[in-house]
């Protein structure tokens, strides 16, 4: 016998269809972050898109969803996302991190440093942010919903007593880090992401100095191939304040905002730095004439005196 549809079943069907249409509806408005580093501290009523080479530090409520494109960095320090966080697949991989304690994934407590959301269904993250606030729920779910084929990093807030020092790599791939000061080219310097510092949060402007020079180009990439995004700077060789006696070089960064750091011990205006060894190439030209010219000249002078 065929079941007769009741009024309630029809209402459920209509409600389910409305939700599906809402989820499938095209995005009418979105705040697009394309390039640079952005500290988002004001609530957004729209969706958010983070493009390749862009870092967003979130401390606010997003009333729509967030889409992190390949090559982007999203650091969630506090706040909530009404719909979901969608991490798009592609190279280089996007990096999404949540900073806090007592994390719970899909109702199960975890002490892991990352988790991979359930394919197609996604996973819900709850717990507490580093400032003590709970990961804010919405009327749809108890916490943050993630859709991603890339692991979401779960990072603890750094200790206030921790001293932050940048880990830099001058001329990545080179052991000697040799620099020819007469070169008209550039010197690459990478700031590496570590457990206490996320290099992707560095502001790529004149707050960055390497041996007194400002960067002329900046790239967000995985320099040391450890799965974390690093910041690669290029500096003009002839602008470097180095000489033939230099054995090391230092990169300094003046922070624009306190939320760009994993550690609450570092605040806006503070200067952090990292140092690596260098080998300055001698400016002397070694050639047959250079090595034997003086002796040859003395010989000629001797013959003239005869």
C-alpha atoms as a PDB file:
ATOM      1  CA  UNK A   1       0.000   0.000   0.000  1.00  0.00           C
ATOM      2  CA  UNK A   2       1.382   3.394  -1.002  1.00  0.00           C
ATOM      3  CA  UNK A   3       2.043   5.754   1.889  1.00  0.00           C
ATOM      4  CA  UNK A   4       0.234   9.054   1.818  1.00  0.00           C
ATOM      5  CA  UNK A   5       2.362  12.146   2.245  1.00  0.00           C
ATOM      6  CA  UNK A   6       1.444  14.096   5.339  1.00  0.00           C
ATOM      7  CA  UNK A   7       1.555  17.853   5.766  1.00  0.00           C
ATOM      8  CA  UNK A   8       4.639  17.543   7.965  1.00  0.00           C
ATOM      9  CA  UNK A   9       6.539  15.421   5.450  1.00  0.00           C
ATOM     10  CA  UNK A  10       5.828  17.980   2.748  1.00  0.00           C
ATOM     11  CA  UNK A  11       7.138  20.760   4.999  1.00  0.00           C
ATOM     12  CA  UNK A  12      10.314  18.775   5.695  1.00  0.00           C
ATOM     13  CA  UNK A  13      10.811  18.237   1.960  1.00  0.00           C
ATOM     14  CA  UNK A  14      10.330  21.929   1.233  1.00  0.00           C
ATOM     15  CA  UNK A  15      12.705  22.876   4.048  1.00  0.00           C
ATOM     16  CA  UNK A  16      15.383  20.471   2.824  1.00  0.00           C
ATOM     17  CA  UNK A  17      15.049  21.778  -0.726  1.00  0.00           C
ATOM     18  CA  UNK A  18      15.366  25.366   0.520  1.00  0.00           C
ATOM     19  CA  UNK A  19      18.591  24.535   2.318  1.00  0.00           C
ATOM     20  CA  UNK A  20      20.004  22.843  -0.792  1.00  0.00           C
ATOM     21  CA  UNK A  21      19.093  25.823  -2.952  1.00  0.00           C
ATOM     22  CA  UNK A  22      20.650  28.179  -0.431  1.00  0.00           C
ATOM     23  CA  UNK A  23      23.890  26.227  -0.401  1.00  0.00           C
ATOM     24  CA  UNK A  24      23.938  26.013  -4.191  1.00  0.00           C
ATOM     25  CA  UNK A  25      23.100  29.679  -4.724  1.00  0.00           C
ATOM     26  CA  UNK A  26      25.836  31.761  -6.380  1.00  0.00           C
ATOM     27  CA  UNK A  27      27.798  34.121  -4.204  1.00  0.00           C
ATOM     28  CA  UNK A  28      26.445  37.631  -4.570  1.00  0.00           C
ATOM     29  CA  UNK A  29      29.138  39.437  -2.591  1.00  0.00           C
ATOM     30  CA  UNK A  30      32.568  38.502  -1.330  1.00  0.00           C
ATOM     31  CA  UNK A  31      35.453  40.375   0.211  1.00  0.00           C
ATOM     32  CA  UNK A  32      38.491  39.350  -1.837  1.00  0.00           C
ATOM     33  CA  UNK A  33      41.975  39.564  -0.345  1.00  0.00           C
ATOM     34  CA  UNK A  34      44.531  39.435  -3.143  1.00  0.00           C
ATOM     35  CA  UNK A  35      48.152  39.899  -2.119  1.00  0.00           C
ATOM     36  CA  UNK A  36      49.838  41.039   1.077  1.00  0.00           C
ATOM     37  CA  UNK A  37      49.020  40.382   4.719  1.00  0.00           C
ATOM     38  CA  UNK A  38      45.675  41.385   6.249  1.00  0.00           C
ATOM     39  CA  UNK A  39      44.692  41.468   9.918  1.00  0.00           C
ATOM     40  CA  UNK A  40      40.895  41.100   9.914  1.00  0.00           C
ATOM     41  CA  UNK A  41      39.535  42.380  13.234  1.00  0.00           C
ATOM     42  CA  UNK A  42      36.196  43.812  12.044  1.00  0.00           C
ATOM     43  CA  UNK A  43      33.193  41.504  11.541  1.00  0.00           C
ATOM     44  CA  UNK A  44      32.238  40.802   7.913  1.00  0.00           C
ATOM     45  CA  UNK A  45      28.679  40.342   6.684  1.00  0.00           C
ATOM     46  CA  UNK A  46      29.923  38.886   3.399  1.00  0.00           C
ATOM     47  CA  UNK A  47      31.900  35.882   2.234  1.00  0.00           C
ATOM     48  CA  UNK A  48      35.696  35.975   2.175  1.00  0.00           C
ATOM     49  CA  UNK A  49      38.086  34.823  -0.548  1.00  0.00           C
ATOM     50  CA  UNK A  50      41.842  34.571   0.026  1.00  0.00           C
ATOM     51  CA  UNK A  51      43.923  34.507  -3.151  1.00  0.00           C
ATOM     52  CA  UNK A  52      47.330  32.980  -3.895  1.00  0.00           C
ATOM     53  CA  UNK A  53      50.211  34.703  -2.084  1.00  0.00           C
ATOM     54  CA  UNK A  54      47.898  36.282   0.494  1.00  0.00           C
ATOM     55  CA  UNK A  55      47.853  35.907   4.276  1.00  0.00           C
ATOM     56  CA  UNK A  56      44.771  36.627   6.407  1.00  0.00           C
ATOM     57  CA  UNK A  57      44.907  36.721  10.208  1.00  0.00           C
ATOM     58  CA  UNK A  58      41.317  36.339  11.416  1.00  0.00           C
ATOM     59  CA  UNK A  59      40.061  37.752  14.707  1.00  0.00           C
ATOM     60  CA  UNK A  60      36.462  38.475  13.745  1.00  0.00           C
ATOM     61  CA  UNK A  61      33.142  36.927  12.721  1.00  0.00           C
ATOM     62  CA  UNK A  62      32.501  36.116   9.063  1.00  0.00           C
ATOM     63  CA  UNK A  63      28.781  35.887   8.331  1.00  0.00           C
ATOM     64  CA  UNK A  64      29.318  33.968   5.093  1.00  0.00           C
ATOM     65  CA  UNK A  65      31.952  31.386   4.240  1.00  0.00           C
ATOM     66  CA  UNK A  66      35.713  31.550   3.700  1.00  0.00           C
ATOM     67  CA  UNK A  67      37.449  30.125   0.643  1.00  0.00           C
ATOM     68  CA  UNK A  68      41.232  29.715   0.872  1.00  0.00           C
ATOM     69  CA  UNK A  69      42.709  29.368  -2.619  1.00  0.00           C
ATOM     70  CA  UNK A  70      45.963  27.465  -3.349  1.00  0.00           C
ATOM     71  CA  UNK A  71      49.009  29.361  -2.111  1.00  0.00           C
ATOM     72  CA  UNK A  72      47.091  31.315   0.527  1.00  0.00           C
ATOM     73  CA  UNK A  73      47.532  31.384   4.308  1.00  0.00           C
ATOM     74  CA  UNK A  74      44.661  31.628   6.812  1.00  0.00           C
ATOM     75  CA  UNK A  75      45.420  31.992  10.523  1.00  0.00           C
ATOM     76  CA  UNK A  76      42.364  31.828  12.797  1.00  0.00           C
ATOM     77  CA  UNK A  77      43.042  33.398  16.192  1.00  0.00           C
ATOM     78  CA  UNK A  78      39.438  34.046  17.295  1.00  0.00           C
ATOM     79  CA  UNK A  79      35.930  34.633  15.961  1.00  0.00           C
ATOM     80  CA  UNK A  80      33.593  32.413  13.959  1.00  0.00           C
ATOM     81  CA  UNK A  81      32.536  31.511  10.420  1.00  0.00           C
ATOM     82  CA  UNK A  82      28.778  31.172   9.879  1.00  0.00           C
ATOM     83  CA  UNK A  83      28.868  28.721   6.977  1.00  0.00           C
ATOM     84  CA  UNK A  84      32.189  26.928   6.495  1.00  0.00           C
ATOM     85  CA  UNK A  85      35.876  27.207   5.621  1.00  0.00           C
ATOM     86  CA  UNK A  86      36.587  25.748   2.171  1.00  0.00           C
ATOM     87  CA  UNK A  87      40.233  24.986   1.397  1.00  0.00           C
ATOM     88  CA  UNK A  88      40.723  24.596  -2.349  1.00  0.00           C
ATOM     89  CA  UNK A  89      43.133  21.941  -3.605  1.00  0.00           C
ATOM     90  CA  UNK A  90      46.080  22.857  -5.821  1.00  0.00           C
ATOM     91  CA  UNK A  91      49.768  23.764  -5.818  1.00  0.00           C
ATOM     92  CA  UNK A  92      51.156  25.336  -3.793  1.00  0.00           C
ATOM     93  CA  UNK A  93      48.879  24.060  -1.057  1.00  0.00           C
ATOM     94  CA  UNK A  94      46.969  26.532   1.073  1.00  0.00           C
ATOM     95  CA  UNK A  95      47.882  26.638   4.752  1.00  0.00           C
ATOM     96  CA  UNK A  96      45.092  26.954   7.335  1.00  0.00           C
ATOM     97  CA  UNK A  97      45.886  27.078  11.064  1.00  0.00           C
ATOM     98  CA  UNK A  98      43.765  27.471  14.194  1.00  0.00           C
ATOM     99  CA  UNK A  99      45.463  28.664  17.390  1.00  0.00           C
ATOM    100  CA  UNK A 100      44.077  27.474  20.697  1.00  0.00           C
ATOM    101  CA  UNK A 101      43.747  24.679  23.267  1.00  0.00           C
ATOM    102  CA  UNK A 102      41.459  21.747  24.150  1.00  0.00           C
ATOM    103  CA  UNK A 103      40.544  21.036  20.540  1.00  0.00           C
ATOM    104  CA  UNK A 104      37.674  18.675  19.730  1.00  0.00           C
ATOM    105  CA  UNK A 105      37.119  17.334  16.195  1.00  0.00           C
ATOM    106  CA  UNK A 106      33.666  15.914  15.411  1.00  0.00           C
ATOM    107  CA  UNK A 107      32.994  15.444  19.122  1.00  0.00           C
ATOM    108  CA  UNK A 108      36.282  13.668  19.864  1.00  0.00           C
ATOM    109  CA  UNK A 109      39.023  15.399  21.863  1.00  0.00           C
ATOM    110  CA  UNK A 110      42.391  15.483  20.128  1.00  0.00           C
ATOM    111  CA  UNK A 111      45.948  16.418  21.019  1.00  0.00           C
ATOM    112  CA  UNK A 112      47.165  16.077  17.427  1.00  0.00           C
ATOM    113  CA  UNK A 113      48.835  18.990  15.671  1.00  0.00           C
ATOM    114  CA  UNK A 114      46.520  18.699  12.662  1.00  0.00           C
ATOM    115  CA  UNK A 115      43.414  16.929  11.365  1.00  0.00           C
ATOM    116  CA  UNK A 116      42.026  16.011   7.966  1.00  0.00           C
ATOM    117  CA  UNK A 117      38.309  16.774   7.515  1.00  0.00           C
ATOM    118  CA  UNK A 118      36.004  13.929   6.473  1.00  0.00           C
ATOM    119  CA  UNK A 119      35.733  13.905   2.652  1.00  0.00           C
ATOM    120  CA  UNK A 120      32.459  15.356   1.312  1.00  0.00           C
ATOM    121  CA  UNK A 121      30.923  15.704   4.793  1.00  0.00           C
ATOM    122  CA  UNK A 122      33.531  17.980   6.364  1.00  0.00           C
ATOM    123  CA  UNK A 123      34.503  18.139  10.046  1.00  0.00           C
ATOM    124  CA  UNK A 124      33.535  20.444  12.918  1.00  0.00           C
ATOM    125  CA  UNK A 125      36.196  21.885  15.223  1.00  0.00           C
ATOM    126  CA  UNK A 126      35.468  23.144  18.731  1.00  0.00           C
ATOM    127  CA  UNK A 127      37.655  24.143  21.658  1.00  0.00           C
ATOM    128  CA  UNK A 128      39.149  27.383  22.956  1.00  0.00           C
ATOM    129  CA  UNK A 129      41.226  30.059  21.282  1.00  0.00           C
ATOM    130  CA  UNK A 130      44.518  31.249  22.709  1.00  0.00           C
ATOM    131  CA  UNK A 131      42.845  34.244  24.372  1.00  0.00           C
ATOM    132  CA  UNK A 132      40.512  31.926  26.309  1.00  0.00           C
ATOM    133  CA  UNK A 133      37.399  32.524  24.192  1.00  0.00           C
ATOM    134  CA  UNK A 134      35.519  29.434  22.985  1.00  0.00           C
ATOM    135  CA  UNK A 135      35.465  28.675  19.283  1.00  0.00           C
ATOM    136  CA  UNK A 136      32.163  30.416  18.705  1.00  0.00           C
ATOM    137  CA  UNK A 137      29.203  28.275  17.602  1.00  0.00           C
ATOM    138  CA  UNK A 138      26.523  29.282  15.111  1.00  0.00           C
ATOM    139  CA  UNK A 139      22.899  28.194  15.049  1.00  0.00           C
ATOM    140  CA  UNK A 140      23.923  25.644  12.402  1.00  0.00           C
ATOM    141  CA  UNK A 141      26.699  23.874  14.348  1.00  0.00           C
ATOM    142  CA  UNK A 142      28.774  24.081  17.544  1.00  0.00           C
ATOM    143  CA  UNK A 143      32.012  25.371  15.983  1.00  0.00           C
ATOM    144  CA  UNK A 144      34.028  25.785  12.781  1.00  0.00           C
ATOM    145  CA  UNK A 145      33.136  23.576   9.800  1.00  0.00           C
ATOM    146  CA  UNK A 146      36.011  22.713   7.448  1.00  0.00           C
ATOM    147  CA  UNK A 147      35.903  21.229   3.942  1.00  0.00           C
ATOM    148  CA  UNK A 148      39.419  20.354   2.837  1.00  0.00           C
ATOM    149  CA  UNK A 149      41.630  17.657   1.323  1.00  0.00           C
ATOM    150  CA  UNK A 150      44.551  19.385   3.068  1.00  0.00           C
ATOM    151  CA  UNK A 151      45.162  18.923   6.823  1.00  0.00           C
ATOM    152  CA  UNK A 152      44.096  21.781   9.091  1.00  0.00           C
ATOM    153  CA  UNK A 153      46.839  22.691  11.569  1.00  0.00           C
ATOM    154  CA  UNK A 154      46.022  22.899  15.284  1.00  0.00           C
ATOM    155  CA  UNK A 155      48.629  25.092  16.945  1.00  0.00           C
ATOM    156  CA  UNK A 156      48.970  26.066  20.608  1.00  0.00           C
ATOM    157  CA  UNK A 157      49.416  29.691  21.615  1.00  0.00           C
ATOM    158  CA  UNK A 158      53.111  30.316  22.328  1.00  0.00           C
ATOM    159  CA  UNK A 159      54.239  30.963  25.879  1.00  0.00           C
ATOM    160  CA  UNK A 160      54.506  34.623  26.846  1.00  0.00           C
ATOM    161  CA  UNK A 161      58.026  33.973  28.090  1.00  0.00           C
ATOM    162  CA  UNK A 162      59.147  32.541  24.768  1.00  0.00           C
ATOM    163  CA  UNK A 163      61.798  34.542  22.946  1.00  0.00           C
ATOM    164  CA  UNK A 164      61.072  34.640  19.225  1.00  0.00           C
ATOM    165  CA  UNK A 165      64.010  34.477  16.818  1.00  0.00           C
ATOM    166  CA  UNK A 166      63.637  34.250  13.075  1.00  0.00           C
ATOM    167  CA  UNK A 167      65.160  31.280  11.290  1.00  0.00           C
ATOM    168  CA  UNK A 168      66.534  32.537   7.989  1.00  0.00           C
ATOM    169  CA  UNK A 169      68.273  30.813   5.094  1.00  0.00           C
ATOM    170  CA  UNK A 170      70.468  32.999   2.895  1.00  0.00           C
ATOM    171  CA  UNK A 171      70.614  31.719  -0.695  1.00  0.00           C
ATOM    172  CA  UNK A 172      68.536  28.551  -0.068  1.00  0.00           C
ATOM    173  CA  UNK A 173      70.286  25.484  -1.437  1.00  0.00           C
ATOM    174  CA  UNK A 174      73.754  26.951  -0.914  1.00  0.00           C
ATOM    175  CA  UNK A 175      76.007  25.888   1.961  1.00  0.00           C
ATOM    176  CA  UNK A 176      78.558  28.684   1.702  1.00  0.00           C
ATOM    177  CA  UNK A 177      76.062  31.516   1.073  1.00  0.00           C
ATOM    178  CA  UNK A 178      78.699  33.262  -1.035  1.00  0.00           C
ATOM    179  CA  UNK A 179      77.963  36.854  -2.053  1.00  0.00           C
ATOM    180  CA  UNK A 180      79.771  38.909  -4.686  1.00  0.00           C
ATOM    181  CA  UNK A 181      79.298  42.504  -3.557  1.00  0.00           C
ATOM    182  CA  UNK A 182      80.015  43.784  -7.092  1.00  0.00           C
ATOM    183  CA  UNK A 183      77.132  41.790  -8.532  1.00  0.00           C
ATOM    184  CA  UNK A 184      74.231  43.758  -9.995  1.00  0.00           C
ATOM    185  CA  UNK A 185      71.838  40.936  -9.166  1.00  0.00           C
ATOM    186  CA  UNK A 186      69.851  40.014  -6.069  1.00  0.00           C
ATOM    187  CA  UNK A 187      70.394  37.847  -3.008  1.00  0.00           C
ATOM    188  CA  UNK A 188      67.502  35.531  -1.985  1.00  0.00           C
ATOM    189  CA  UNK A 189      66.810  35.230   1.739  1.00  0.00           C
ATOM    190  CA  UNK A 190      64.121  32.912   3.150  1.00  0.00           C
ATOM    191  CA  UNK A 191      62.358  33.320   6.487  1.00  0.00           C
ATOM    192  CA  UNK A 192      61.311  29.818   7.516  1.00  0.00           C
ATOM    193  CA  UNK A 193      58.144  28.864   9.362  1.00  0.00           C
ATOM    194  CA  UNK A 194      58.873  27.213  12.721  1.00  0.00           C
ATOM    195  CA  UNK A 195      56.898  26.071  15.740  1.00  0.00           C
ATOM    196  CA  UNK A 196      57.049  29.566  17.223  1.00  0.00           C
ATOM    197  CA  UNK A 197      56.728  31.736  14.135  1.00  0.00           C
ATOM    198  CA  UNK A 198      54.622  31.653  10.981  1.00  0.00           C
ATOM    199  CA  UNK A 199      56.694  33.261   8.238  1.00  0.00           C
ATOM    200  CA  UNK A 200      53.568  33.770   6.141  1.00  0.00           C
ATOM    201  CA  UNK A 201      52.449  36.510   8.525  1.00  0.00           C
ATOM    202  CA  UNK A 202      55.398  38.803   7.770  1.00  0.00           C
ATOM    203  CA  UNK A 203      54.382  42.051   6.143  1.00  0.00           C
ATOM    204  CA  UNK A 204      56.357  42.277   2.877  1.00  0.00           C
ATOM    205  CA  UNK A 205      57.239  45.984   2.877  1.00  0.00           C
ATOM    206  CA  UNK A 206      59.920  48.322   4.183  1.00  0.00           C
ATOM    207  CA  UNK A 207      59.567  46.972   7.711  1.00  0.00           C
ATOM    208  CA  UNK A 208      61.825  44.157   6.444  1.00  0.00           C
ATOM    209  CA  UNK A 209      65.567  44.847   6.251  1.00  0.00           C
ATOM    210  CA  UNK A 210      68.430  42.531   5.354  1.00  0.00           C
ATOM    211  CA  UNK A 211      71.899  43.975   5.952  1.00  0.00           C
ATOM    212  CA  UNK A 212      70.277  47.404   5.718  1.00  0.00           C
ATOM    213  CA  UNK A 213      68.508  46.754   2.385  1.00  0.00           C
ATOM    214  CA  UNK A 214      64.768  46.581   1.727  1.00  0.00           C
ATOM    215  CA  UNK A 215      63.279  43.733  -0.340  1.00  0.00           C
ATOM    216  CA  UNK A 216      62.545  44.245  -4.022  1.00  0.00           C
ATOM    217  CA  UNK A 217      60.469  41.073  -4.407  1.00  0.00           C
ATOM    218  CA  UNK A 218      58.562  38.723  -2.105  1.00  0.00           C
ATOM    219  CA  UNK A 219      57.253  35.192  -2.672  1.00  0.00           C
ATOM    220  CA  UNK A 220      55.256  32.874  -0.408  1.00  0.00           C
ATOM    221  CA  UNK A 221      56.505  29.311  -0.974  1.00  0.00           C
ATOM    222  CA  UNK A 222      57.665  26.141   0.793  1.00  0.00           C
ATOM    223  CA  UNK A 223      61.425  26.729   0.705  1.00  0.00           C
ATOM    224  CA  UNK A 224      62.534  23.827   2.926  1.00  0.00           C
ATOM    225  CA  UNK A 225      59.831  21.429   1.622  1.00  0.00           C
ATOM    226  CA  UNK A 226      58.451  20.631   5.083  1.00  0.00           C
ATOM    227  CA  UNK A 227      54.828  21.342   4.203  1.00  0.00           C
ATOM    228  CA  UNK A 228      54.798  24.847   5.747  1.00  0.00           C
ATOM    229  CA  UNK A 229      54.737  28.058   3.741  1.00  0.00           C
ATOM    230  CA  UNK A 230      57.851  30.225   4.072  1.00  0.00           C
ATOM    231  CA  UNK A 231      58.560  33.790   2.929  1.00  0.00           C
ATOM    232  CA  UNK A 232      61.265  34.293   0.295  1.00  0.00           C
ATOM    233  CA  UNK A 233      62.667  37.807  -0.134  1.00  0.00           C
ATOM    234  CA  UNK A 234      64.978  39.216  -2.824  1.00  0.00           C
ATOM    235  CA  UNK A 235      67.458  42.002  -1.974  1.00  0.00           C
ATOM    236  CA  UNK A 236      69.673  43.987  -4.354  1.00  0.00           C
ATOM    237  CA  UNK A 237      73.272  42.951  -3.762  1.00  0.00           C
ATOM    238  CA  UNK A 238      74.731  46.443  -4.145  1.00  0.00           C
ATOM    239  CA  UNK A 239      72.402  47.805  -1.460  1.00  0.00           C
ATOM    240  CA  UNK A 240      73.709  45.406   1.204  1.00  0.00           C
ATOM    241  CA  UNK A 241      75.716  46.933   4.041  1.00  0.00           C
ATOM    242  CA  UNK A 242      78.411  44.246   3.947  1.00  0.00           C
ATOM    243  CA  UNK A 243      82.157  44.205   3.321  1.00  0.00           C
ATOM    244  CA  UNK A 244      84.906  41.675   2.653  1.00  0.00           C
ATOM    245  CA  UNK A 245      85.281  41.004   6.382  1.00  0.00           C
ATOM    246  CA  UNK A 246      81.592  40.142   6.921  1.00  0.00           C
ATOM    247  CA  UNK A 247      81.019  36.607   8.197  1.00  0.00           C
ATOM    248  CA  UNK A 248      77.261  36.823   8.799  1.00  0.00           C
ATOM    249  CA  UNK A 249      74.229  38.894   7.836  1.00  0.00           C
ATOM    250  CA  UNK A 250      71.037  39.696   9.739  1.00  0.00           C
ATOM    251  CA  UNK A 251      67.433  40.137   8.645  1.00  0.00           C
ATOM    252  CA  UNK A 252      65.206  42.284  10.871  1.00  0.00           C
ATOM    253  CA  UNK A 253      61.422  42.675  10.843  1.00  0.00           C
ATOM    254  CA  UNK A 254      59.420  45.406  12.553  1.00  0.00           C
ATOM    255  CA  UNK A 255      55.974  44.024  13.375  1.00  0.00           C
ATOM    256  CA  UNK A 256      52.932  45.937  12.181  1.00  0.00           C
ATOM    257  CA  UNK A 257      50.446  44.193  14.455  1.00  0.00           C
ATOM    258  CA  UNK A 258      50.458  41.964  17.507  1.00  0.00           C
ATOM    259  CA  UNK A 259      48.274  39.354  15.794  1.00  0.00           C
ATOM    260  CA  UNK A 260      50.929  38.699  13.164  1.00  0.00           C
ATOM    261  CA  UNK A 261      52.814  36.694  15.775  1.00  0.00           C
ATOM    262  CA  UNK A 262      52.107  33.294  17.259  1.00  0.00           C
ATOM    263  CA  UNK A 263      53.406  34.607  20.578  1.00  0.00           C
ATOM    264  CA  UNK A 264      51.544  37.222  22.595  1.00  0.00           C
ATOM    265  CA  UNK A 265      54.927  38.317  23.964  1.00  0.00           C
ATOM    266  CA  UNK A 266      55.622  40.234  20.758  1.00  0.00           C
ATOM    267  CA  UNK A 267      53.594  43.366  20.076  1.00  0.00           C
ATOM    268  CA  UNK A 268      53.310  45.942  17.321  1.00  0.00           C
ATOM    269  CA  UNK A 269      56.525  47.897  16.832  1.00  0.00           C
ATOM    270  CA  UNK A 270      58.763  45.182  18.260  1.00  0.00           C
ATOM    271  CA  UNK A 271      61.756  44.131  16.168  1.00  0.00           C
ATOM    272  CA  UNK A 272      62.625  40.477  15.674  1.00  0.00           C
ATOM    273  CA  UNK A 273      65.624  39.200  13.769  1.00  0.00           C
ATOM    274  CA  UNK A 274      67.474  36.195  12.404  1.00  0.00           C
ATOM    275  CA  UNK A 275      71.085  35.689  11.337  1.00  0.00           C
ATOM    276  CA  UNK A 276      72.866  33.344   8.924  1.00  0.00           C
ATOM    277  CA  UNK A 277      76.489  32.987   7.810  1.00  0.00           C
ATOM    278  CA  UNK A 278      77.832  34.494   4.593  1.00  0.00           C
ATOM    279  CA  UNK A 279      81.039  34.211   2.586  1.00  0.00           C
ATOM    280  CA  UNK A 280      82.024  37.364   0.758  1.00  0.00           C
ATOM    281  CA  UNK A 281      83.782  36.759  -2.542  1.00  0.00           C
ATOM    282  CA  UNK A 282      87.080  38.598  -2.863  1.00  0.00           C
ATOM    283  CA  UNK A 283      87.092  41.589  -5.190  1.00  0.00           C
ATOM    284  CA  UNK A 284      90.665  40.803  -6.306  1.00  0.00           C
ATOM    285  CA  UNK A 285      90.973  39.630  -9.896  1.00  0.00           C
ATOM    286  CA  UNK A 286      93.150  36.568 -10.296  1.00  0.00           C
ATOM    287  CA  UNK A 287      94.714  36.377 -13.758  1.00  0.00           C
ATOM    288  CA  UNK A 288      98.112  35.757 -15.296  1.00  0.00           C
ATOM    289  CA  UNK A 289      98.739  39.479 -15.511  1.00  0.00           C
ATOM    290  CA  UNK A 290      97.475  40.039 -11.990  1.00  0.00           C
ATOM    291  CA  UNK A 291      99.635  37.323 -10.463  1.00  0.00           C
ATOM    292  CA  UNK A 292     102.830  37.934 -12.411  1.00  0.00           C
ATOM    293  CA  UNK A 293     102.476  41.522 -13.567  1.00  0.00           C
ATOM    294  CA  UNK A 294     104.574  43.087 -10.788  1.00  0.00           C
ATOM    295  CA  UNK A 295     107.453  40.642 -11.333  1.00  0.00           C
ATOM    296  CA  UNK A 296     107.234  41.151 -15.075  1.00  0.00           C
ATOM    297  CA  UNK A 297     107.336  44.925 -14.626  1.00  0.00           C
ATOM    298  CA  UNK A 298     110.344  44.688 -12.330  1.00  0.00           C
ATOM    299  CA  UNK A 299     112.108  42.610 -14.957  1.00  0.00           C
ATOM    300  CA  UNK A 300     111.411  45.214 -17.618  1.00  0.00           C
ATOM    301  CA  UNK A 301     112.553  48.009 -15.345  1.00  0.00           C
ATOM    302  CA  UNK A 302     115.741  46.074 -14.637  1.00  0.00           C
ATOM    303  CA  UNK A 303     116.467  45.747 -18.333  1.00  0.00           C
ATOM    304  CA  UNK A 304     115.851  49.444 -18.893  1.00  0.00           C
ATOM    305  CA  UNK A 305     118.352  50.304 -16.215  1.00  0.00           C
ATOM    306  CA  UNK A 306     121.121  48.384 -17.895  1.00  0.00           C
END
